[in-house]
Amino acid sequence: MDQSAYDLRVVAQIFRARGRLAEAIAVFEESLALTAHRSASLERASCLLEVGMCYLEFDRIEVGLDCLKESLSVKLSKLGKSIQVAQIVTTVGQVYCMNGEYEKALDEYSVAEGILKEVAPTDTERLALVIFAEGEAKLDRGDPDGAYLAFKRAMDMLSKDHASDDVMVAEAHHHMGCALVRRNLVEAREHLQTSVSIRSKNLDEKALAESHHWLGVAMRRSGEYNL
């Protein structure tokens, strides 16, 4: 590993953590310059991943995506199929989803899920997160039925090794409720109420607020205004 490149990457991470993205990108690029002669370096791949995320935060989507893809190529060649590779593939899918390229996003999620099933088949939480992303992409492209089936698949998997009041189960209920708001208000309310009940026991106020919001949407659509 190029120690100087690594040291610069650490400095860039500090800038990024402080919200100083332009400075972070500049230092990440300095780090990349030091490994330009070693295109297959894992240190370079890690830096490409981090600067790619910065570019995405800076709304330079195409540049960020190119960095992610280059990082993925190196990581895959060096590490093979792995959790780390699956995470990058999922991130690429999320970028496509943000761009409204849902089919490309779904292709990436399918690859990520396949890798995880091969290298970490018992890590149901990681698998569920990829399936949630798949469902969200289908929901965004106007396919609530397909989204619901994806969310239900995650729920069925999580239910085998997670308690009924686990936060991941709450997330599955939330997603299923959101998908059902467009097709079955009774079931939507049941899932969202369950999500609210579980999330109220935890400290994630943002997640709880999201479930409350969608429960309110379901109730208003049912003609109930005394929320």
Protein backbone atom coordinates (compact mmCIF):
# COMPACT_ATOMS: atom_id res chain seq x y z
CA MET A 1 0.00 0.00 0.00
CA ASP A 2 1.21 3.52 -0.81
CA GLN A 3 1.44 5.08 2.65
CA SER A 4 1.44 8.65 1.33
CA ALA A 5 -1.72 7.98 -0.69
CA TYR A 6 -3.35 6.45 2.38
CA ASP A 7 -2.35 9.42 4.57
CA LEU A 8 -3.90 11.85 2.08
CA ARG A 9 -7.07 9.76 1.97
CA VAL A 10 -7.37 10.02 5.75
CA VAL A 11 -7.06 13.82 5.54
CA ALA A 12 -9.74 13.87 2.84
CA GLN A 13 -12.01 11.77 5.06
CA ILE A 14 -11.74 14.43 7.77
CA PHE A 15 -12.72 17.17 5.31
CA ARG A 16 -15.66 15.07 4.15
CA ALA A 17 -16.81 14.38 7.71
CA ARG A 18 -16.82 18.15 8.31
CA GLY A 19 -18.93 18.75 5.20
CA ARG A 20 -16.09 20.41 3.30
CA LEU A 21 -16.67 18.40 0.13
CA ALA A 22 -14.71 20.53 -2.33
CA GLU A 23 -11.59 20.29 -0.15
CA ALA A 24 -12.17 16.58 0.39
CA ILE A 25 -12.38 15.96 -3.34
CA ALA A 26 -9.19 17.93 -3.97
CA VAL A 27 -7.24 15.86 -1.44
CA PHE A 28 -8.75 12.58 -2.66
CA GLU A 29 -7.59 13.53 -6.16
CA GLU A 30 -4.06 14.18 -4.80
CA SER A 31 -4.13 10.69 -3.31
CA LEU A 32 -5.26 9.21 -6.61
CA ALA A 33 -2.42 10.96 -8.43
CA LEU A 34 0.05 9.04 -6.26
CA THR A 35 -1.39 5.69 -7.35
CA ALA A 36 -1.95 6.57 -11.02
CA HIS A 37 0.84 4.17 -12.00
CA ARG A 38 -0.83 1.31 -10.09
CA SER A 39 -4.32 1.16 -11.51
CA ALA A 40 -5.04 -2.20 -9.82
CA SER A 41 -4.08 -0.99 -6.34
CA LEU A 42 -6.60 -1.69 -3.58
CA GLU A 43 -5.63 1.61 -1.98
CA ARG A 44 -6.53 3.36 -5.21
CA ALA A 45 -9.81 1.43 -5.37
CA SER A 46 -10.71 2.53 -1.85
CA CYS A 47 -9.92 6.14 -2.69
CA LEU A 48 -11.97 5.95 -5.89
CA LEU A 49 -14.92 4.68 -3.89
CA GLU A 50 -14.69 7.51 -1.38
CA VAL A 51 -14.13 10.29 -3.89
CA GLY A 52 -16.97 8.84 -5.95
CA MET A 53 -19.30 9.20 -2.99
CA CYS A 54 -18.13 12.80 -2.57
CA TYR A 55 -18.85 13.57 -6.21
CA LEU A 56 -22.33 12.11 -5.76
CA GLU A 57 -22.92 14.35 -2.74
CA PHE A 58 -21.67 17.24 -4.88
CA ASP A 59 -24.28 16.32 -7.55
CA ARG A 60 -21.63 15.33 -10.08
CA ILE A 61 -23.41 12.08 -10.76
CA GLU A 62 -21.61 10.88 -13.88
CA VAL A 63 -18.15 11.49 -12.44
CA GLY A 64 -19.14 9.81 -9.19
CA LEU A 65 -20.57 6.81 -11.01
CA ASP A 66 -17.43 6.42 -13.10
CA CYS A 67 -15.34 6.40 -9.91
CA LEU A 68 -17.57 3.77 -8.33
CA LYS A 69 -17.37 1.55 -11.41
CA GLU A 70 -13.57 1.81 -11.57
CA SER A 71 -13.34 0.99 -7.86
CA LEU A 72 -15.69 -1.96 -8.35
CA SER A 73 -13.61 -3.32 -11.21
CA VAL A 74 -10.45 -3.33 -9.08
CA LYS A 75 -12.14 -4.72 -5.97
CA LEU A 76 -13.74 -7.52 -7.98
CA SER A 77 -10.45 -8.47 -9.63
CA LYS A 78 -8.57 -8.42 -6.32
CA LEU A 79 -11.17 -9.68 -3.85
CA GLY A 80 -13.52 -11.67 -6.04
CA LYS A 81 -17.11 -12.00 -4.95
CA SER A 82 -17.32 -10.53 -1.46
CA ILE A 83 -19.51 -8.49 0.86
CA GLN A 84 -17.45 -5.41 0.00
CA VAL A 85 -18.06 -5.90 -3.72
CA ALA A 86 -21.78 -6.48 -3.13
CA GLN A 87 -21.97 -3.19 -1.23
CA ILE A 88 -20.43 -1.26 -4.12
CA VAL A 89 -22.72 -2.97 -6.63
CA THR A 90 -25.70 -1.95 -4.47
CA THR A 91 -24.46 1.64 -4.36
CA VAL A 92 -24.15 1.69 -8.16
CA GLY A 93 -27.74 0.49 -8.31
CA GLN A 94 -28.85 3.27 -6.00
CA VAL A 95 -27.19 5.85 -8.26
CA TYR A 96 -29.02 4.45 -11.28
CA CYS A 97 -32.25 4.59 -9.28
CA MET A 98 -31.65 8.25 -8.41
CA ASN A 99 -31.22 8.90 -12.14
CA GLY A 100 -34.51 7.18 -12.90
CA GLU A 101 -32.71 4.29 -14.65
CA TYR A 102 -34.73 1.65 -12.84
CA GLU A 103 -33.95 -1.35 -15.04
CA LYS A 104 -30.22 -0.78 -14.64
CA ALA A 105 -30.73 -0.37 -10.90
CA LEU A 106 -32.65 -3.63 -10.68
CA ASP A 107 -29.92 -5.43 -12.62
CA GLU A 108 -27.32 -4.21 -10.11
CA TYR A 109 -29.46 -5.23 -7.13
CA SER A 110 -29.89 -8.69 -8.63
CA VAL A 111 -26.12 -9.05 -8.96
CA ALA A 112 -25.56 -7.84 -5.39
CA GLU A 113 -28.17 -10.24 -4.03
CA GLY A 114 -26.59 -13.11 -5.94
CA ILE A 115 -23.16 -12.33 -4.51
CA LEU A 116 -24.48 -12.13 -0.95
CA LYS A 117 -26.36 -15.38 -1.29
CA GLU A 118 -23.09 -16.99 -2.36
CA VAL A 119 -20.66 -15.46 0.14
CA ALA A 120 -22.89 -14.57 3.13
CA PRO A 121 -26.10 -16.59 2.86
CA THR A 122 -26.88 -16.29 6.58
CA ASP A 123 -26.49 -12.50 6.65
CA THR A 124 -30.20 -11.87 6.24
CA GLU A 125 -29.96 -8.20 7.19
CA ARG A 126 -27.59 -7.39 4.33
CA LEU A 127 -29.74 -9.41 1.96
CA ALA A 128 -32.88 -7.66 3.18
CA LEU A 129 -31.35 -4.23 2.58
CA VAL A 130 -30.66 -5.14 -1.05
CA ILE A 131 -34.20 -6.50 -1.45
CA PHE A 132 -35.60 -3.33 0.12
CA ALA A 133 -33.65 -1.33 -2.49
CA GLU A 134 -35.14 -3.53 -5.22
CA GLY A 135 -38.64 -2.88 -3.89
CA GLU A 136 -38.06 0.86 -3.68
CA ALA A 137 -36.88 0.92 -7.30
CA LYS A 138 -40.03 -0.91 -8.38
CA LEU A 139 -42.18 1.45 -6.35
CA ASP A 140 -40.47 4.48 -7.90
CA ARG A 141 -41.04 3.19 -11.42
CA GLY A 142 -44.76 2.76 -10.70
CA ASP A 143 -44.94 -0.96 -9.92
CA PRO A 144 -46.45 -1.20 -6.39
CA ASP A 145 -47.38 -4.86 -6.87
CA GLY A 146 -43.81 -5.81 -7.74
CA ALA A 147 -42.54 -3.67 -4.88
CA TYR A 148 -44.87 -5.37 -2.42
CA LEU A 149 -43.68 -8.81 -3.50
CA ALA A 150 -40.06 -7.77 -3.00
CA PHE A 151 -40.78 -6.34 0.45
CA LYS A 152 -42.74 -9.47 1.40
CA ARG A 153 -39.82 -11.62 0.30
CA ALA A 154 -37.58 -9.66 2.66
CA MET A 155 -40.14 -9.98 5.45
CA ASP A 156 -40.45 -13.75 4.98
CA MET A 157 -36.67 -14.09 5.14
CA LEU A 158 -36.26 -11.85 8.21
CA SER A 159 -39.08 -13.54 10.08
CA LYS A 160 -37.09 -16.78 10.17
CA ASP A 161 -34.29 -15.44 12.38
CA HIS A 162 -35.44 -12.09 13.78
CA ALA A 163 -37.81 -11.32 16.64
CA SER A 164 -41.20 -9.93 15.67
CA ASP A 165 -40.27 -6.56 17.24
CA ASP A 166 -36.84 -6.29 15.59
CA VAL A 167 -36.02 -2.99 13.84
CA MET A 168 -35.46 -4.77 10.52
CA VAL A 169 -38.89 -6.37 10.78
CA ALA A 170 -40.29 -2.89 11.46
CA GLU A 171 -38.61 -1.65 8.29
CA ALA A 172 -40.15 -4.50 6.31
CA HIS A 173 -43.61 -3.67 7.69
CA HIS A 174 -43.03 -0.01 6.79
CA HIS A 175 -42.07 -0.80 3.20
CA MET A 176 -44.95 -3.21 2.74
CA GLY A 177 -47.36 -0.61 4.08
CA CYS A 178 -46.05 2.04 1.69
CA ALA A 179 -46.51 -0.30 -1.28
CA LEU A 180 -50.02 -1.26 -0.18
CA VAL A 181 -51.22 2.35 0.22
CA ARG A 182 -51.85 2.25 -3.52
CA ARG A 183 -53.77 -1.03 -3.55
CA ASN A 184 -55.11 -2.17 -0.15
CA LEU A 185 -55.61 0.48 2.53
CA VAL A 186 -56.69 -1.98 5.23
CA GLU A 187 -53.53 -4.06 4.95
CA ALA A 188 -51.44 -0.92 4.51
CA ARG A 189 -52.67 0.44 7.83
CA GLU A 190 -52.00 -2.86 9.59
CA HIS A 191 -48.38 -2.94 8.41
CA LEU A 192 -47.78 0.73 9.15
CA GLN A 193 -49.35 0.50 12.60
CA THR A 194 -47.11 -2.45 13.37
CA SER A 195 -44.10 -0.49 12.15
CA VAL A 196 -45.07 2.48 14.34
CA SER A 197 -45.52 0.19 17.34
CA ILE A 198 -42.07 -1.38 16.93
CA ARG A 199 -40.27 1.84 16.06
CA SER A 200 -41.80 3.68 19.03
CA LYS A 201 -39.81 1.32 21.28
CA ASN A 202 -36.54 2.34 19.65
CA LEU A 203 -34.65 5.62 19.44
CA ASP A 204 -34.78 6.21 15.68
CA GLU A 205 -37.11 9.21 15.61
CA LYS A 206 -36.65 9.76 11.87
CA ALA A 207 -37.81 6.22 11.05
CA LEU A 208 -40.74 6.54 13.44
CA ALA A 209 -41.76 9.85 11.85
CA GLU A 210 -41.70 8.23 8.39
CA SER A 211 -44.03 5.45 9.52
CA HIS A 212 -46.33 7.97 11.21
CA HIS A 213 -46.42 9.99 7.99
CA TRP A 214 -47.39 7.04 5.81
CA LEU A 215 -49.92 5.81 8.37
CA GLY A 216 -51.48 9.27 8.16
CA VAL A 217 -51.55 9.03 4.37
CA ALA A 218 -53.32 5.65 4.58
CA MET A 219 -55.85 6.93 7.09
CA ARG A 220 -56.62 10.05 5.06
CA ARG A 221 -57.15 7.93 1.96
CA SER A 222 -59.56 5.85 4.03
CA GLY A 223 -61.48 9.02 4.90
CA GLU A 224 -60.29 9.12 8.51
CA TYR A 225 -59.07 12.54 9.58
CA ASN A 226 -58.92 12.12 13.37
CA LEU A 227 -55.29 11.02 13.37
